[in-house]
Amino acid sequence: MTWVCPGGGYAFVVNSDNPHGNNGSLVVLDRRTQKVVKAVSQGLGRLPNAVAARCDGATAYVANFADNSLSVVDIMSGKVTTTVPVGDQPAQVVLSPDGRYAYVVNTGEISIAGSISVLDTRTNRVVRTITAGFNPYRLALAADGRRAYVVTDNTVQLLDISTGTTLATLNNPEADGLLVGLALAPNGKRLYAVDSITNQVLVIDSRTFTFAHASIKVPGFGSAGNAAVSPNNSLLYVTEMGSTDLAVVDTATARPTTITVGRSPTNVTFTPNGEQAYATSSLDDSKGLNIINTSRGQVTSQNNVGSGPFDVALVDIVGDG
């Protein structure tokens, strides 16, 4: 999940240990020194693949894809304090704006519908499960914390997340496509849904919930995956799994280019000021965490942070000197 808190002085990176999954970890990288200052592995489940963290950096939530669970990690002690059962094959964790709830997107299986597990972060218990069709991959939460957008069943759905009610549905114009990525612009005006089969990005007016203009074709040689929008809403980054391409789209002109990163980029997020982006590459440990200068469109450093880096969140740690 692409999650940024004010400051964002630390990068929380979850390593999936793909394809084995038995030795995954959560590492904390100091962005100033580019050194790992904390690593947590004991107590995590198999194939950890998604992370979200409270803005004070005290607690992180890690989804364990192969164990159908969520690990709650105390960052100061470096220990997993709670393991919470969730739905089948969790692939994303999103915190509500006030941090009260964690929404875990469970993709399900071929014969098992997906779901969204709603965790009360005060008790670390699942208080509600929302049915989400087949293959829900990504959720984007509106700033009001009430409306949510979900890609599932090759559609984009608008939900009232407080009740789980589906308010509206948009079908992918490409019937043979598969929507897997989703990003909401910080200004709340545009929603971008990523089709991994056709390598196109659907552009949606999130206020009217209608298509804003023609889809954007993603260049490069990979399978389009996850996406993130810069803080000033001017850039859209799209990962291309299976390749070394990270697509960069100028949102004003819809003109795309690519940046070369480590092999099989999986997730990407921007720093709060938008000057840098951090992208994980799950099949290239030596170039597992790519740091990008966004004004130049160039990778400035690549870090080995563990085995199979899969997701990254940028937060502060309160009390850090």
Protein backbone atom coordinates (compact mmCIF):
# COMPACT_ATOMS: atom_id res chain seq x y z
CA MET A 1 0.00 0.00 0.00
CA THR A 2 1.27 3.42 -0.81
CA TRP A 3 0.98 5.25 2.50
CA VAL A 4 2.66 8.53 3.46
CA CYS A 5 2.49 10.50 6.70
CA PRO A 6 3.72 14.08 7.27
CA GLY A 7 7.51 14.07 7.40
CA GLY A 8 7.91 10.51 6.25
CA GLY A 9 11.43 10.25 7.63
CA TYR A 10 11.49 6.46 7.63
CA ALA A 11 10.71 3.84 5.00
CA PHE A 12 8.96 0.74 6.31
CA VAL A 13 9.65 -2.05 3.81
CA VAL A 14 8.08 -5.50 3.91
CA ASN A 15 10.18 -8.30 2.39
CA SER A 16 8.16 -11.27 1.15
CA ASP A 17 11.05 -13.75 0.77
CA ASN A 18 9.40 -14.61 -2.55
CA PRO A 19 8.98 -17.38 -3.71
CA HIS A 20 9.63 -19.30 -0.49
CA GLY A 21 7.92 -16.94 1.92
CA ASN A 22 9.15 -18.50 5.16
CA ASN A 23 11.72 -15.84 6.09
CA GLY A 24 9.93 -12.58 5.38
CA SER A 25 10.73 -9.43 7.32
CA LEU A 26 9.80 -5.84 8.04
CA VAL A 27 12.70 -3.40 7.95
CA VAL A 28 12.85 0.27 8.87
CA LEU A 29 15.15 2.43 6.76
CA ASP A 30 16.28 5.86 7.94
CA ARG A 31 15.81 7.99 4.83
CA ARG A 32 18.49 10.47 5.93
CA THR A 33 21.27 7.90 6.21
CA GLN A 34 19.75 5.20 3.95
CA LYS A 35 20.62 2.65 6.61
CA VAL A 36 18.36 -0.03 8.12
CA VAL A 37 17.80 0.83 11.78
CA LYS A 38 15.33 -1.93 12.67
CA ALA A 39 14.43 -5.38 11.33
CA VAL A 40 11.59 -7.63 12.44
CA SER A 41 11.21 -11.21 11.25
CA GLN A 42 10.26 -13.40 14.21
CA GLY A 43 6.52 -13.75 14.49
CA LEU A 44 5.62 -12.66 10.96
CA GLY A 45 3.60 -15.06 8.83
CA ARG A 46 4.44 -16.57 5.46
CA LEU A 47 4.76 -14.38 2.39
CA PRO A 48 4.28 -10.98 4.02
CA ASN A 49 3.44 -8.66 1.15
CA ALA A 50 1.81 -5.44 2.39
CA VAL A 51 2.40 -2.88 5.14
CA ALA A 52 0.73 0.16 6.65
CA ALA A 53 1.93 2.10 9.68
CA ARG A 54 0.51 4.63 12.08
CA CYS A 55 1.80 8.14 11.45
CA ASP A 56 3.72 8.16 14.74
CA GLY A 57 5.66 5.11 13.56
CA ALA A 58 4.84 3.19 16.73
CA THR A 59 2.81 0.40 15.14
CA ALA A 60 2.93 -1.31 11.78
CA TYR A 61 0.42 -3.71 10.24
CA VAL A 62 1.76 -6.43 7.94
CA ALA A 63 -0.43 -8.66 5.76
CA ASN A 64 0.72 -12.29 5.46
CA PHE A 65 -0.55 -13.55 2.11
CA ALA A 66 0.05 -17.28 2.63
CA ASP A 67 -1.18 -17.40 6.24
CA ASN A 68 -4.37 -15.36 5.87
CA SER A 69 -3.32 -13.20 8.78
CA LEU A 70 -2.30 -9.70 9.84
CA SER A 71 0.72 -9.13 12.09
CA VAL A 72 0.61 -6.15 14.45
CA VAL A 73 4.19 -4.98 15.07
CA ASP A 74 5.44 -2.77 17.90
CA ILE A 75 8.27 -0.87 16.21
CA MET A 76 10.18 0.23 19.32
CA SER A 77 10.47 -3.30 20.71
CA GLY A 78 10.73 -4.87 17.24
CA LYS A 79 8.19 -7.54 18.19
CA VAL A 80 4.96 -8.87 16.77
CA THR A 81 2.43 -8.25 19.53
CA THR A 82 -0.67 -9.73 17.91
CA THR A 83 -1.55 -11.96 14.98
CA VAL A 84 -5.07 -11.49 13.67
CA PRO A 85 -6.83 -13.97 11.35
CA VAL A 86 -8.30 -12.22 8.28
CA GLY A 87 -9.70 -13.40 4.93
CA ASP A 88 -8.15 -15.46 2.15
CA GLN A 89 -4.88 -14.15 0.68
CA PRO A 90 -4.62 -10.63 2.12
CA ALA A 91 -2.81 -8.29 -0.30
CA GLN A 92 -3.22 -4.74 1.03
CA VAL A 93 -3.61 -2.85 4.30
CA VAL A 94 -5.10 0.66 4.42
CA LEU A 95 -5.46 2.75 7.58
CA SER A 96 -8.35 5.17 8.04
CA PRO A 97 -7.33 8.85 8.24
CA ASP A 98 -7.78 8.86 12.02
CA GLY A 99 -5.97 5.52 12.46
CA ARG A 100 -9.00 3.97 14.14
CA TYR A 101 -9.47 1.21 11.56
CA ALA A 102 -7.26 -0.92 9.35
CA TYR A 103 -8.87 -2.22 6.17
CA VAL A 104 -7.35 -5.47 4.91
CA VAL A 105 -8.11 -6.38 1.30
CA ASN A 106 -8.34 -10.17 0.89
CA THR A 107 -8.13 -11.28 -2.75
CA GLY A 108 -9.76 -14.68 -2.19
CA GLU A 109 -9.21 -17.67 -4.45
CA ILE A 110 -10.68 -19.06 -7.67
CA SER A 111 -13.73 -20.47 -5.89
CA ILE A 112 -13.67 -18.18 -2.84
CA ALA A 113 -14.91 -14.60 -3.06
CA GLY A 114 -12.71 -11.87 -1.71
CA SER A 115 -13.45 -9.59 1.22
CA ILE A 116 -12.36 -6.59 3.25
CA SER A 117 -11.58 -7.24 6.91
CA VAL A 118 -12.19 -4.20 9.13
CA LEU A 119 -9.83 -4.19 12.11
CA ASP A 120 -10.43 -1.95 15.13
CA THR A 121 -6.87 -0.83 15.91
CA ARG A 122 -7.73 -0.16 19.57
CA THR A 123 -8.60 -3.80 20.23
CA ASN A 124 -6.84 -5.45 17.25
CA ARG A 125 -9.98 -7.38 16.47
CA VAL A 126 -11.88 -7.75 13.21
CA VAL A 127 -15.20 -6.02 13.83
CA ARG A 128 -16.70 -6.40 10.37
CA THR A 129 -16.12 -8.28 7.12
CA ILE A 130 -17.28 -6.75 3.84
CA THR A 131 -17.92 -9.04 0.88
CA ALA A 132 -16.03 -7.69 -2.11
CA GLY A 133 -16.66 -9.96 -5.10
CA PHE A 134 -13.93 -11.99 -6.79
CA ASN A 135 -10.34 -10.82 -7.02
CA PRO A 136 -10.44 -7.54 -5.09
CA TYR A 137 -6.87 -6.29 -5.35
CA ARG A 138 -6.77 -2.68 -4.23
CA LEU A 139 -8.69 -0.21 -2.12
CA ALA A 140 -8.35 3.58 -2.12
CA LEU A 141 -9.89 5.54 0.73
CA ALA A 142 -11.29 9.06 0.23
CA ALA A 143 -10.13 11.84 2.55
CA ASP A 144 -13.43 11.76 4.45
CA GLY A 145 -12.65 8.20 5.54
CA ARG A 146 -16.15 7.15 4.57
CA ARG A 147 -16.06 6.54 0.83
CA ALA A 148 -13.80 3.86 -0.59
CA TYR A 149 -13.00 2.67 -4.09
CA VAL A 150 -12.23 -1.01 -4.78
CA VAL A 151 -11.15 -2.86 -7.92
CA THR A 152 -12.89 -6.25 -8.02
CA ASP A 153 -14.58 -8.51 -10.61
CA ASN A 154 -12.90 -6.40 -13.33
CA THR A 155 -14.92 -3.42 -12.08
CA VAL A 156 -14.34 -0.34 -9.94
CA GLN A 157 -16.77 -0.11 -7.06
CA LEU A 158 -17.66 2.87 -4.88
CA LEU A 159 -18.42 1.80 -1.31
CA ASP A 160 -19.69 3.37 1.84
CA ILE A 161 -16.95 1.77 3.92
CA SER A 162 -18.78 2.38 7.20
CA THR A 163 -21.64 0.10 6.14
CA GLY A 164 -20.04 -1.93 3.36
CA THR A 165 -22.77 -0.83 0.95
CA THR A 166 -21.91 -0.64 -2.76
CA LEU A 167 -23.04 2.79 -4.00
CA ALA A 168 -22.02 2.54 -7.66
CA THR A 169 -20.10 0.30 -10.08
CA LEU A 170 -18.04 1.05 -13.20
CA ASN A 171 -17.26 -1.80 -15.57
CA ASN A 172 -13.86 -2.07 -17.23
CA PRO A 173 -14.47 -1.31 -20.95
CA GLU A 174 -12.01 -4.14 -21.68
CA ALA A 175 -14.09 -7.24 -20.95
CA ASP A 176 -11.01 -9.48 -21.04
CA GLY A 177 -8.97 -7.18 -18.81
CA LEU A 178 -8.08 -7.49 -15.15
CA LEU A 179 -8.03 -4.49 -12.84
CA VAL A 180 -5.35 -4.88 -10.18
CA GLY A 181 -4.12 -1.38 -9.29
CA LEU A 182 -5.82 1.71 -7.94
CA ALA A 183 -4.68 5.19 -6.96
CA LEU A 184 -6.65 8.25 -5.87
CA ALA A 185 -5.13 11.66 -6.55
CA PRO A 186 -4.46 13.62 -3.32
CA ASN A 187 -6.84 16.37 -4.43
CA GLY A 188 -9.58 13.75 -4.69
CA LYS A 189 -10.49 14.63 -8.28
CA ARG A 190 -9.08 11.71 -10.26
CA LEU A 191 -9.07 7.98 -9.69
CA TYR A 192 -6.72 5.74 -11.69
CA ALA A 193 -7.47 2.03 -12.16
CA VAL A 194 -4.77 -0.20 -13.65
CA ASP A 195 -5.50 -3.08 -16.05
CA SER A 196 -2.68 -5.66 -15.99
CA ILE A 197 -3.84 -7.53 -19.10
CA THR A 198 -4.20 -4.62 -21.52
CA ASN A 199 -1.58 -2.46 -19.76
CA GLN A 200 -3.94 0.47 -19.67
CA VAL A 201 -4.94 2.93 -16.95
CA LEU A 202 -8.59 3.94 -16.67
CA VAL A 203 -9.04 7.60 -15.72
CA ILE A 204 -12.12 8.26 -13.58
CA ASP A 205 -13.65 11.50 -12.31
CA SER A 206 -14.04 10.48 -8.68
CA ARG A 207 -16.62 13.21 -7.98
CA THR A 208 -19.09 12.02 -10.65
CA PHE A 209 -17.78 8.45 -10.77
CA THR A 210 -17.64 8.48 -14.56
CA PHE A 211 -14.77 8.03 -17.01
CA ALA A 212 -12.94 11.34 -17.37
CA HIS A 213 -11.24 10.64 -20.71
CA ALA A 214 -9.67 7.88 -22.77
CA SER A 215 -7.53 5.25 -21.08
CA ILE A 216 -3.76 5.72 -20.94
CA LYS A 217 -1.59 3.06 -22.54
CA VAL A 218 1.33 2.13 -20.29
CA PRO A 219 4.67 1.76 -22.15
CA GLY A 220 7.33 -0.78 -21.24
CA PHE A 221 7.51 -4.57 -21.22
CA GLY A 222 5.97 -5.62 -17.92
CA SER A 223 2.50 -6.27 -16.57
CA ALA A 224 1.02 -3.05 -15.19
CA GLY A 225 0.35 -3.36 -11.49
CA ASN A 226 0.15 -0.85 -8.65
CA ALA A 227 0.08 2.93 -8.91
CA ALA A 228 0.65 6.13 -6.95
CA VAL A 229 -0.03 9.83 -7.60
CA SER A 230 2.38 12.59 -6.57
CA PRO A 231 1.35 15.05 -3.83
CA ASN A 232 0.83 17.85 -6.40
CA ASN A 233 -1.28 15.49 -8.56
CA SER A 234 0.98 16.00 -11.61
CA LEU A 235 2.61 12.55 -11.87
CA LEU A 236 1.23 9.04 -11.95
CA TYR A 237 3.70 6.19 -11.38
CA VAL A 238 2.72 2.65 -12.40
CA THR A 239 4.75 -0.45 -11.57
CA GLU A 240 5.33 -3.02 -14.32
CA MET A 241 5.81 -6.42 -12.76
CA GLY A 242 8.09 -8.89 -14.50
CA SER A 243 10.15 -6.11 -16.08
CA THR A 244 12.56 -3.37 -15.01
CA ASP A 245 10.14 -0.63 -16.05
CA LEU A 246 8.37 1.92 -13.89
CA ALA A 247 5.92 3.92 -15.97
CA VAL A 248 5.68 7.68 -15.41
CA VAL A 249 2.60 9.53 -16.68
CA ASP A 250 2.22 13.30 -16.86
CA THR A 251 -1.39 13.61 -15.66
CA ALA A 252 -1.96 16.88 -17.52
CA THR A 253 -0.97 15.54 -20.94
CA ALA A 254 -1.43 11.77 -20.33
CA ARG A 255 2.01 11.36 -21.90
CA PRO A 256 3.85 8.29 -20.51
CA THR A 257 7.56 7.49 -20.23
CA THR A 258 9.52 4.88 -18.26
CA ILE A 259 12.27 4.74 -15.63
CA THR A 260 14.52 1.70 -15.29
CA VAL A 261 14.44 0.18 -11.79
CA GLY A 262 15.19 -3.20 -10.21
CA ARG A 263 13.49 -6.27 -11.67
CA SER A 264 9.75 -6.71 -11.11
CA PRO A 265 8.67 -3.49 -9.39
CA THR A 266 5.67 -4.17 -7.16
CA ASN A 267 4.77 -1.02 -5.24
CA VAL A 268 5.64 2.67 -5.25
CA THR A 269 5.00 5.72 -3.06
CA PHE A 270 5.97 9.38 -3.05
CA THR A 271 7.60 11.37 -0.26
CA PRO A 272 5.35 14.05 1.31
CA ASN A 273 7.04 16.84 -0.67
CA GLY A 274 6.96 14.82 -3.88
CA GLU A 275 10.67 15.28 -4.55
CA GLN A 276 11.35 11.54 -4.33
CA ALA A 277 9.56 8.28 -4.91
CA TYR A 278 10.36 4.89 -3.35
CA ALA A 279 9.70 1.74 -5.38
CA THR A 280 10.14 -1.89 -4.33
CA SER A 281 11.47 -4.54 -6.76
CA SER A 282 10.60 -8.04 -5.61
CA LEU A 283 12.94 -10.05 -7.88
CA ASP A 284 16.12 -8.00 -7.54
CA ASP A 285 17.33 -7.88 -3.93
CA SER A 286 20.47 -5.87 -4.75
CA LYS A 287 18.18 -3.21 -6.24
CA GLY A 288 15.21 -3.96 -4.03
CA LEU A 289 14.45 -0.42 -2.89
CA ASN A 290 14.75 2.19 -5.63
CA ILE A 291 14.91 5.87 -4.67
CA ILE A 292 13.89 8.18 -7.51
CA ASN A 293 14.43 11.88 -8.07
CA THR A 294 11.02 12.80 -9.50
CA SER A 295 12.00 16.10 -11.11
CA ARG A 296 14.73 14.40 -13.14
CA GLY A 297 12.96 11.08 -13.52
CA GLN A 298 16.09 9.21 -12.46
CA VAL A 299 16.99 6.57 -9.90
CA THR A 300 19.49 8.08 -7.48
CA SER A 301 20.16 5.02 -5.32
CA GLN A 302 19.21 1.36 -4.99
CA ASN A 303 19.33 -0.48 -1.68
CA ASN A 304 19.40 -4.11 -0.60
CA VAL A 305 16.91 -4.20 2.28
CA GLY A 306 16.11 -7.92 2.34
CA SER A 307 14.68 -10.80 0.34
CA GLY A 308 11.87 -9.96 -2.06
CA PRO A 309 10.92 -6.37 -1.15
CA PHE A 310 7.22 -6.04 -1.91
CA ASP A 311 5.70 -2.95 -0.30
CA VAL A 312 6.82 0.33 1.29
CA ALA A 313 5.25 2.94 3.58
CA LEU A 314 6.79 6.28 4.58
CA VAL A 315 6.20 7.51 8.15
CA ASP A 316 7.86 9.35 11.01
CA ILE A 317 8.86 7.80 14.32
CA VAL A 318 7.76 10.01 17.23
CA GLY A 319 10.52 10.47 19.78
CA ASP A 320 13.30 10.05 17.24
CA GLY A 321 16.06 12.55 17.93
